Amino acid sequence: MAFTNDIEVYKPVKAVVPAPSHDSLYTDTSSIGGQPPYEYFGITTSKQVDGADHSSFNTESCKENVRSAKPDTSQFPDGGPEAWLVTFGAWLVFFVCWGPINMIGIMQEYYQQQLLIDYSPSAIAWISSAKLFMMYAGGAIFGKLFDSYGPRWLLLIGSAMHVYGFMMTPFSTKYYQIFLSQAICSAAGASCIYYACAGSTTTWFLRKRSTAFGIAASGSAFGGVILPIMVLRLIPKVGFPWAMRIVGFLILGMVIIINITVKSRLKHTPKPFRINEYVKPFQEPSFSLLTLSMTVFVFGLFVLYNFLVLQAQSEEMSPRLAEYLVPILNAASNAAIIAFTIIYGVFSGAYIALAPILIAQISKIQQIGVRSGALFLGVSIAALTGGPLAGALLDTDHGGFEYIQIFAGSMMCAAAGLLLISRAFTLGFTIAKA
């Protein structure tokens, strides 16, 4: 019998502990030393080895060794034609999934002043909030399906639902019809596409993952500029129904390219559904704090998108200029509102880009889908309730926007603090980490 440091190895098996890859950095080792057998990093561990009891397995030492090991970057292409083609497809995904989100302010105004004039701002805000909820909460299902089956069917089904939702919007004249087409059908399809793409992109990059997601996330900004302006210019010329159809046809062309370019590097095998997979990540302080910070941030993030146009008009800004504030938000007195919009757009865009990267940094690559779903399931609660809560604050303030501003600002400041604490649990308080 031979022993290597703190890890017991049965010599005839000739087991070797390889340097763990990034995929293994966060494998749970808390049950090592339990009932045999448990396989971690190529070693089958057990209290019983060759009939003898060896219960002194040093779990903490193993954890420290694993966490301090450098990732095996050879497993990730980190570039090449296929990887960058996936990134291009991801850019289109961000365009078609998150770009339309920037139209919610315009649609809120249109519904409130034209189509749903008998409904309160809070009731109308439930449409956009439910849409955001569906996009985030869908990760709990679609993330798991990605881990098991890969992106292909998710992309095909999601593309069909997203386009169909936009094509049905012109025929929707009642509240429940708009809700079904936009908040359920289109949003579920967009969620399906997004989680398939986010998981796929992660499999191709390690060192350049932030760069790849940064490039992809810029598609959201482009979509947030182009789509609202396009709709604003089309409504006076062809009307709201045809404006929605044209957006639907644009999305159709892009999702065809997405289905051709986006694919996963991994071989996916079906895995049984276990509710513990969604609960277990929250036992990690870094993951729990990251989820909490992202959730709190969303309470304030999309309030501006909902009510910016209405506030600008209340400040006697011309309706035509006010409608362009959401595109300005994504491109980067009246002057004060425009300046704030640009600054907010520049910094808030980091949320969409950084969320998948931060999850990947503390997750096994084979579990990226289910862990993303667990995090965004929490975020979906804020996405669902944030808009209506802001609408209720608007009513409480008798049409004023001060309460909404205080609420949104407080939520985002609290989220920033929680994110710093989450980083401290993961890397400490150092400015840079080698």
Protein backbone atom coordinates (compact mmCIF):
# COMPACT_ATOMS: atom_id res chain seq x y z
CA MET A 1 0.00 0.00 0.00
CA ALA A 2 1.34 3.43 -0.93
CA PHE A 3 0.13 6.92 -0.16
CA THR A 4 0.81 10.16 -2.03
CA ASN A 5 0.65 13.25 0.20
CA ASP A 6 -2.89 13.53 1.59
CA ILE A 7 -4.55 11.52 -1.20
CA GLU A 8 -4.67 7.75 -0.80
CA VAL A 9 -3.82 5.82 -3.93
CA TYR A 10 -3.83 2.07 -4.30
CA LYS A 11 -0.48 1.41 -5.95
CA PRO A 12 -1.38 -1.54 -8.23
CA VAL A 13 -4.09 0.60 -9.86
CA LYS A 14 -1.40 3.13 -10.65
CA ALA A 15 -3.82 6.03 -10.25
CA VAL A 16 -2.44 9.48 -10.99
CA VAL A 17 -3.90 12.86 -10.06
CA PRO A 18 -3.84 15.01 -13.20
CA ALA A 19 -3.83 18.77 -13.06
CA PRO A 20 -7.55 19.53 -13.10
CA SER A 21 -8.90 21.47 -16.04
CA HIS A 22 -11.18 24.47 -15.77
CA ASP A 23 -14.02 21.97 -16.15
CA SER A 24 -13.07 20.40 -12.82
CA LEU A 25 -12.10 23.42 -10.76
CA TYR A 26 -15.38 23.53 -8.93
CA THR A 27 -16.26 19.84 -8.68
CA ASP A 28 -17.81 19.22 -5.32
CA THR A 29 -15.59 17.19 -3.02
CA SER A 30 -17.69 17.52 0.09
CA SER A 31 -18.79 13.88 0.00
CA ILE A 32 -15.31 12.40 -0.36
CA GLY A 33 -14.78 9.93 2.40
CA GLY A 34 -18.47 8.88 2.36
CA GLN A 35 -19.82 5.60 1.09
CA PRO A 36 -17.70 4.13 -1.71
CA PRO A 37 -17.09 4.59 -4.50
CA TYR A 38 -16.72 8.24 -5.48
CA GLU A 39 -14.61 9.21 -8.47
CA TYR A 40 -12.92 12.60 -8.46
CA PHE A 41 -10.29 13.71 -10.97
CA GLY A 42 -9.47 10.17 -12.09
CA ILE A 43 -9.23 8.58 -8.61
CA THR A 44 -11.82 6.25 -7.13
CA THR A 45 -11.83 7.07 -3.43
CA SER A 46 -13.19 4.99 -0.60
CA LYS A 47 -12.84 4.46 3.09
CA GLN A 48 -12.11 0.83 2.27
CA VAL A 49 -9.03 0.17 0.15
CA ASP A 50 -7.91 -3.44 -0.23
CA GLY A 51 -10.02 -4.38 2.78
CA ALA A 52 -8.38 -1.82 5.05
CA ASP A 53 -10.02 1.28 6.51
CA HIS A 54 -8.40 4.57 5.55
CA SER A 55 -10.67 7.32 6.81
CA SER A 56 -8.05 10.07 7.03
CA PHE A 57 -8.71 11.40 3.54
CA ASN A 58 -7.81 15.10 3.72
CA THR A 59 -10.77 16.75 1.97
CA GLU A 60 -9.69 20.31 2.68
CA SER A 61 -6.25 19.69 1.23
CA CYS A 62 -7.83 18.23 -1.91
CA LYS A 63 -10.09 21.25 -2.27
CA GLU A 64 -7.15 23.60 -1.89
CA ASN A 65 -5.11 21.70 -4.47
CA VAL A 66 -7.94 21.74 -6.95
CA ARG A 67 -8.75 25.40 -6.54
CA SER A 68 -5.13 26.48 -6.79
CA ALA A 69 -4.42 24.43 -9.92
CA LYS A 70 -4.19 26.18 -13.25
CA PRO A 71 -6.85 25.37 -15.87
CA ASP A 72 -5.92 23.16 -18.81
CA THR A 73 -6.38 25.68 -21.60
CA SER A 74 -5.68 23.05 -24.28
CA GLN A 75 -9.27 21.82 -23.96
CA PHE A 76 -10.62 25.13 -25.29
CA PRO A 77 -9.90 26.30 -28.86
CA ASP A 78 -10.06 29.97 -27.74
CA GLY A 79 -10.30 30.99 -31.37
CA GLY A 80 -10.31 29.63 -34.87
CA PRO A 81 -12.97 29.82 -37.62
CA GLU A 82 -15.53 27.64 -35.84
CA ALA A 83 -15.25 29.46 -32.51
CA TRP A 84 -15.53 32.93 -34.02
CA LEU A 85 -18.38 31.80 -36.25
CA VAL A 86 -20.21 30.75 -33.08
CA THR A 87 -19.44 34.19 -31.65
CA PHE A 88 -20.97 35.82 -34.74
CA GLY A 89 -24.06 33.68 -34.27
CA ALA A 90 -24.12 34.71 -30.61
CA TRP A 91 -23.98 38.37 -31.70
CA LEU A 92 -27.13 37.79 -33.75
CA VAL A 93 -28.73 36.01 -30.78
CA PHE A 94 -28.17 39.00 -28.52
CA PHE A 95 -29.58 41.22 -31.28
CA VAL A 96 -32.83 39.26 -31.72
CA CYS A 97 -33.34 38.32 -28.05
CA TRP A 98 -32.32 41.42 -26.11
CA GLY A 99 -32.69 44.06 -28.82
CA PRO A 100 -36.51 43.88 -28.74
CA ILE A 101 -36.42 44.35 -24.97
CA ASN A 102 -35.40 47.93 -25.68
CA MET A 103 -38.71 48.43 -27.47
CA ILE A 104 -40.72 47.96 -24.27
CA GLY A 105 -40.72 51.69 -23.51
CA ILE A 106 -42.14 52.46 -26.94
CA MET A 107 -44.69 49.67 -26.66
CA GLN A 108 -45.60 50.76 -23.12
CA GLU A 109 -46.33 54.24 -24.46
CA TYR A 110 -48.28 52.91 -27.47
CA TYR A 111 -50.41 50.56 -25.38
CA GLN A 112 -51.00 53.19 -22.71
CA GLN A 113 -52.01 55.95 -25.13
CA GLN A 114 -53.57 53.99 -28.02
CA LEU A 115 -54.51 50.34 -27.60
CA LEU A 116 -55.01 49.81 -23.85
CA ILE A 117 -56.09 53.25 -22.66
CA ASP A 118 -58.47 51.74 -20.10
CA TYR A 119 -55.62 50.01 -18.26
CA SER A 120 -53.32 51.55 -15.65
CA PRO A 121 -49.55 51.91 -16.27
CA SER A 122 -48.94 49.22 -13.65
CA ALA A 123 -51.26 46.75 -15.42
CA ILE A 124 -49.65 47.42 -18.80
CA ALA A 125 -46.19 47.04 -17.27
CA TRP A 126 -47.09 43.44 -16.41
CA ILE A 127 -46.75 42.60 -20.13
CA SER A 128 -43.10 43.64 -20.36
CA SER A 129 -42.34 42.30 -16.88
CA ALA A 130 -43.83 38.91 -17.72
CA LYS A 131 -41.77 38.91 -20.93
CA LEU A 132 -38.59 39.49 -18.95
CA PHE A 133 -39.66 36.86 -16.42
CA MET A 134 -40.19 34.28 -19.15
CA MET A 135 -36.80 35.04 -20.72
CA TYR A 136 -34.97 34.62 -17.42
CA ALA A 137 -37.04 31.82 -15.84
CA GLY A 138 -36.86 29.75 -19.02
CA GLY A 139 -33.23 29.07 -18.18
CA ALA A 140 -34.28 26.61 -15.49
CA ILE A 141 -35.68 24.36 -18.22
CA PHE A 142 -33.67 25.30 -21.30
CA GLY A 143 -30.34 25.30 -19.46
CA LYS A 144 -30.94 21.72 -18.33
CA LEU A 145 -32.02 20.70 -21.84
CA PHE A 146 -28.84 22.24 -23.24
CA ASP A 147 -26.66 20.25 -20.84
CA SER A 148 -28.42 17.06 -21.89
CA TYR A 149 -29.11 17.50 -25.61
CA GLY A 150 -27.08 20.44 -26.87
CA PRO A 151 -28.34 23.53 -28.71
CA ARG A 152 -29.82 22.19 -31.97
CA TRP A 153 -33.46 21.55 -31.06
CA LEU A 154 -33.53 24.47 -28.66
CA LEU A 155 -32.52 26.80 -31.47
CA LEU A 156 -35.04 25.40 -33.94
CA ILE A 157 -38.02 25.45 -31.59
CA GLY A 158 -37.05 28.77 -30.02
CA SER A 159 -36.66 30.42 -33.42
CA ALA A 160 -40.13 29.31 -34.51
CA MET A 161 -41.75 30.55 -31.28
CA HIS A 162 -39.94 33.91 -31.26
CA VAL A 163 -40.90 34.73 -34.85
CA TYR A 164 -44.46 33.46 -34.42
CA GLY A 165 -44.95 35.67 -31.35
CA PHE A 166 -43.99 38.79 -33.30
CA MET A 167 -46.15 37.80 -36.27
CA MET A 168 -49.16 37.35 -33.96
CA THR A 169 -48.73 40.73 -32.26
CA PRO A 170 -50.40 42.66 -35.16
CA PHE A 171 -53.53 40.53 -34.71
CA SER A 172 -53.63 41.19 -30.96
CA THR A 173 -56.10 43.89 -29.93
CA LYS A 174 -57.01 42.77 -26.41
CA TYR A 175 -54.86 42.65 -23.31
CA TYR A 176 -54.75 38.85 -23.04
CA GLN A 177 -53.86 38.51 -26.75
CA ILE A 178 -50.92 40.90 -26.44
CA PHE A 179 -49.86 39.11 -23.28
CA LEU A 180 -49.88 35.69 -24.97
CA SER A 181 -48.05 36.79 -28.13
CA GLN A 182 -45.36 38.95 -26.51
CA ALA A 183 -44.99 37.83 -22.88
CA ILE A 184 -45.42 34.08 -23.47
CA CYS A 185 -44.77 32.93 -27.05
CA SER A 186 -42.09 35.38 -28.21
CA ALA A 187 -40.39 35.53 -24.81
CA ALA A 188 -40.22 31.74 -24.38
CA GLY A 189 -38.72 31.41 -27.85
CA ALA A 190 -36.14 34.12 -27.17
CA SER A 191 -35.24 32.43 -23.87
CA CYS A 192 -34.80 29.11 -25.65
CA ILE A 193 -32.46 30.67 -28.22
CA TYR A 194 -30.48 32.66 -25.67
CA TYR A 195 -29.64 29.82 -23.27
CA ALA A 196 -28.70 27.51 -26.13
CA CYS A 197 -26.34 30.17 -27.44
CA ALA A 198 -24.84 31.22 -24.09
CA GLY A 199 -24.03 27.63 -23.23
CA SER A 200 -22.57 26.92 -26.66
CA THR A 201 -20.32 29.99 -26.70
CA THR A 202 -18.91 29.09 -23.28
CA THR A 203 -17.68 25.72 -24.56
CA TRP A 204 -15.39 27.34 -27.15
CA PHE A 205 -13.53 29.88 -25.02
CA LEU A 206 -11.64 30.08 -21.74
CA ARG A 207 -8.99 32.81 -21.75
CA LYS A 208 -10.85 34.79 -24.42
CA ARG A 209 -14.30 34.10 -22.98
CA SER A 210 -14.79 37.67 -21.79
CA THR A 211 -13.78 38.98 -25.21
CA ALA A 212 -16.14 36.60 -26.99
CA PHE A 213 -19.09 37.47 -24.77
CA GLY A 214 -18.27 41.16 -24.99
CA ILE A 215 -18.41 40.98 -28.78
CA ALA A 216 -21.62 38.94 -28.66
CA ALA A 217 -23.29 41.22 -26.12
CA SER A 218 -22.70 44.23 -28.36
CA GLY A 219 -25.42 42.73 -30.52
CA SER A 220 -27.88 43.71 -27.79
CA ALA A 221 -26.75 47.33 -28.02
CA PHE A 222 -27.02 47.34 -31.81
CA GLY A 223 -30.46 45.79 -31.60
CA GLY A 224 -31.42 48.30 -28.92
CA VAL A 225 -30.50 51.15 -31.26
CA ILE A 226 -31.76 49.82 -34.58
CA LEU A 227 -35.07 48.19 -33.62
CA PRO A 228 -36.65 51.06 -31.64
CA ILE A 229 -35.67 53.62 -34.31
CA MET A 230 -36.94 51.33 -37.04
CA VAL A 231 -40.27 50.87 -35.28
CA LEU A 232 -40.60 54.60 -34.59
CA ARG A 233 -40.06 55.40 -38.26
CA LEU A 234 -42.33 52.62 -39.50
CA ILE A 235 -45.38 53.27 -37.31
CA PRO A 236 -46.29 56.63 -38.94
CA LYS A 237 -45.78 55.16 -42.43
CA VAL A 238 -47.24 51.64 -42.27
CA GLY A 239 -48.90 51.50 -38.85
CA PHE A 240 -48.11 49.50 -35.72
CA PRO A 241 -49.24 46.07 -37.07
CA TRP A 242 -46.96 46.17 -40.11
CA ALA A 243 -44.11 47.58 -38.04
CA MET A 244 -44.30 44.43 -35.90
CA ARG A 245 -44.45 42.19 -38.98
CA ILE A 246 -41.33 43.81 -40.42
CA VAL A 247 -39.49 43.25 -37.14
CA GLY A 248 -40.67 39.63 -37.28
CA PHE A 249 -39.28 39.16 -40.79
CA LEU A 250 -35.95 40.70 -39.73
CA ILE A 251 -35.76 38.28 -36.80
CA LEU A 252 -36.66 35.39 -39.13
CA GLY A 253 -33.68 36.13 -41.38
CA MET A 254 -31.32 36.33 -38.42
CA VAL A 255 -32.47 33.14 -36.68
CA ILE A 256 -31.85 31.19 -39.90
CA ILE A 257 -28.19 32.29 -39.72
CA ILE A 258 -28.13 31.55 -35.98
CA ASN A 259 -29.25 27.95 -36.55
CA ILE A 260 -26.43 27.49 -39.06
CA THR A 261 -23.59 29.04 -37.04
CA VAL A 262 -24.24 28.27 -33.34
CA LYS A 263 -23.14 24.86 -32.08
CA SER A 264 -21.57 23.33 -28.99
CA ARG A 265 -18.06 21.88 -28.82
CA LEU A 266 -19.08 19.25 -26.27
CA LYS A 267 -20.76 15.90 -26.79
CA HIS A 268 -24.02 16.13 -24.86
CA THR A 269 -25.60 13.08 -23.25
CA PRO A 270 -29.06 12.96 -21.66
CA LYS A 271 -29.03 13.36 -17.89
CA PRO A 272 -31.87 12.65 -15.45
CA PHE A 273 -33.65 15.64 -13.94
CA ARG A 274 -32.77 16.16 -10.30
CA ILE A 275 -34.12 19.09 -8.32
CA ASN A 276 -30.95 18.95 -6.20
CA GLU A 277 -28.98 20.24 -9.20
CA TYR A 278 -30.76 23.58 -8.82
CA VAL A 279 -30.41 23.68 -5.04
CA LYS A 280 -26.81 22.55 -4.65
CA PRO A 281 -25.16 25.64 -6.23
CA PHE A 282 -26.73 27.84 -3.55
CA GLN A 283 -24.63 26.06 -0.94
CA GLU A 284 -21.69 28.00 -2.36
CA PRO A 285 -21.48 31.54 -0.90
CA SER A 286 -20.03 32.97 -4.12
CA PHE A 287 -22.90 31.59 -6.22
CA SER A 288 -25.59 32.65 -3.75
CA LEU A 289 -24.24 36.18 -3.49
CA LEU A 290 -23.86 36.44 -7.27
CA THR A 291 -27.49 35.37 -7.70
CA LEU A 292 -28.67 37.84 -5.09
CA SER A 293 -26.70 40.72 -6.60
CA MET A 294 -28.00 40.02 -10.13
CA THR A 295 -31.56 39.74 -8.82
CA VAL A 296 -31.43 43.02 -6.92
CA PHE A 297 -29.84 44.75 -9.92
CA VAL A 298 -32.71 43.73 -12.22
CA PHE A 299 -35.21 45.38 -9.86
CA GLY A 300 -33.75 48.71 -10.97
CA LEU A 301 -32.29 47.95 -14.40
CA PHE A 302 -35.38 47.71 -16.60
CA VAL A 303 -37.42 50.38 -14.81
CA LEU A 304 -35.69 53.00 -16.96
CA TYR A 305 -36.58 51.16 -20.17
CA ASN A 306 -40.25 51.11 -19.17
CA PHE A 307 -40.74 54.67 -18.04
CA LEU A 308 -37.96 56.79 -19.58
CA VAL A 309 -40.10 57.96 -22.51
CA LEU A 310 -43.04 58.85 -20.27
CA GLN A 311 -40.82 60.79 -17.87
CA ALA A 312 -39.20 62.73 -20.70
CA GLN A 313 -42.61 63.72 -22.04
CA SER A 314 -43.68 64.78 -18.56
CA GLU A 315 -40.64 67.08 -18.53
CA GLU A 316 -42.08 68.73 -21.67
CA MET A 317 -39.58 67.15 -24.03
CA SER A 318 -41.05 66.84 -27.52
CA PRO A 319 -42.70 63.43 -28.04
CA ARG A 320 -40.61 62.75 -31.14
CA LEU A 321 -37.32 63.38 -29.31
CA ALA A 322 -38.49 61.50 -26.22
CA GLU A 323 -39.16 58.37 -28.25
CA TYR A 324 -35.49 58.27 -29.30
CA LEU A 325 -34.23 58.14 -25.73
CA VAL A 326 -34.23 54.33 -25.54
CA PRO A 327 -32.08 54.06 -28.71
CA ILE A 328 -29.79 56.73 -27.22
CA LEU A 329 -29.67 54.58 -24.08
CA ASN A 330 -28.06 51.83 -26.12
CA ALA A 331 -25.85 54.01 -28.27
CA ALA A 332 -24.02 55.21 -25.65
CA SER A 333 -33.76 70.22 -18.33
CA ASN A 334 -33.70 67.98 -21.77
CA ALA A 335 -29.91 68.05 -21.89
CA ALA A 336 -29.69 66.49 -18.43
CA ILE A 337 -32.06 63.65 -19.37
CA ILE A 338 -30.12 62.90 -22.57
CA ALA A 339 -26.77 62.99 -20.73
CA PHE A 340 -28.09 60.63 -18.06
CA THR A 341 -29.46 58.31 -20.74
CA ILE A 342 -26.09 58.04 -22.47
CA ILE A 343 -24.17 57.40 -19.24
CA TYR A 344 -26.70 54.85 -18.04
CA GLY A 345 -26.65 53.05 -21.39
CA VAL A 346 -22.86 52.77 -21.40
CA PHE A 347 -22.61 51.20 -17.94
CA SER A 348 -25.82 49.17 -17.67
CA GLY A 349 -24.98 47.20 -20.82
CA ALA A 350 -22.25 45.41 -18.87
CA TYR A 351 -24.91 43.46 -16.97
CA ILE A 352 -26.02 41.44 -19.98
CA ALA A 353 -22.43 40.79 -21.08
CA LEU A 354 -20.97 39.86 -17.69
CA ALA A 355 -23.67 37.58 -16.28
CA PRO A 356 -22.80 34.45 -18.36
CA ILE A 357 -19.07 35.06 -17.84
CA LEU A 358 -19.38 35.28 -14.06
CA ILE A 359 -21.45 32.10 -13.92
CA ALA A 360 -18.88 30.25 -16.04
CA GLN A 361 -16.06 31.39 -13.75
CA ILE A 362 -17.53 29.49 -10.79
CA SER A 363 -19.07 26.51 -12.61
CA LYS A 364 -18.09 23.26 -14.28
CA ILE A 365 -18.48 23.57 -18.02
CA GLN A 366 -20.71 20.47 -18.15
CA GLN A 367 -23.11 22.13 -15.68
CA ILE A 368 -23.16 25.61 -17.20
CA GLY A 369 -26.73 25.25 -18.41
CA VAL A 370 -28.36 24.13 -15.19
CA ARG A 371 -26.37 26.57 -13.04
CA SER A 372 -27.25 29.45 -15.37
CA GLY A 373 -30.86 28.39 -15.10
CA ALA A 374 -30.70 28.31 -11.30
CA LEU A 375 -29.26 31.83 -11.16
CA PHE A 376 -31.62 33.37 -13.69
CA LEU A 377 -34.62 31.70 -12.07
CA GLY A 378 -33.93 33.94 -9.09
CA VAL A 379 -33.42 36.94 -11.37
CA SER A 380 -36.76 36.24 -13.06
CA ILE A 381 -38.61 37.13 -9.85
CA ALA A 382 -37.21 40.65 -9.98
CA ALA A 383 -37.88 40.87 -13.71
CA LEU A 384 -41.53 39.91 -13.13
CA THR A 385 -42.25 42.26 -10.23
CA GLY A 386 -39.94 45.22 -10.93
CA GLY A 387 -42.02 46.89 -13.66
CA PRO A 388 -45.41 46.65 -11.93
CA LEU A 389 -43.82 47.80 -8.66
CA ALA A 390 -42.41 50.84 -10.45
CA GLY A 391 -45.85 51.45 -12.02
CA ALA A 392 -47.40 51.34 -8.56
CA LEU A 393 -44.80 53.84 -7.33
CA LEU A 394 -45.72 56.07 -10.27
CA ASP A 395 -49.37 56.00 -9.19
CA THR A 396 -48.42 56.61 -5.54
CA ASP A 397 -46.36 59.63 -6.57
CA HIS A 398 -49.37 60.96 -8.52
CA GLY A 399 -47.62 60.64 -11.85
CA GLY A 400 -44.25 61.81 -10.57
CA PHE A 401 -41.01 59.88 -11.10
CA GLU A 402 -39.07 60.66 -7.92
CA TYR A 403 -40.12 57.47 -6.12
CA ILE A 404 -39.15 55.38 -9.13
CA GLN A 405 -35.74 57.07 -9.33
CA ILE A 406 -35.02 56.43 -5.65
CA PHE A 407 -36.15 52.82 -5.94
CA ALA A 408 -34.08 52.04 -9.06
CA GLY A 409 -30.95 53.79 -7.80
CA SER A 410 -31.10 52.09 -4.40
CA MET A 411 -31.51 48.64 -5.92
CA MET A 412 -28.54 49.04 -8.26
CA CYS A 413 -26.27 50.42 -5.52
CA ALA A 414 -27.18 47.49 -3.28
CA ALA A 415 -26.48 45.08 -6.14
CA ALA A 416 -23.03 46.56 -6.69
CA GLY A 417 -22.18 46.04 -3.03
CA LEU A 418 -23.37 42.44 -3.10
CA LEU A 419 -21.33 41.77 -6.23
CA LEU A 420 -18.19 43.02 -4.51
CA ILE A 421 -18.86 40.72 -1.56
CA SER A 422 -19.38 37.80 -3.95
CA ARG A 423 -16.02 38.53 -5.57
CA ALA A 424 -14.37 38.65 -2.16
CA PHE A 425 -15.63 35.15 -1.40
CA THR A 426 -14.22 33.89 -4.69
CA LEU A 427 -10.94 35.79 -5.19
CA GLY A 428 -10.43 38.00 -2.16
CA PHE A 429 -10.15 41.77 -2.21
CA THR A 430 -7.12 41.97 -4.49
CA ILE A 431 -7.49 44.23 -7.53
CA ALA A 432 -5.93 41.71 -9.90
CA LYS A 433 -5.66 37.94 -9.66
CA ALA A 434 -2.91 36.04 -11.46
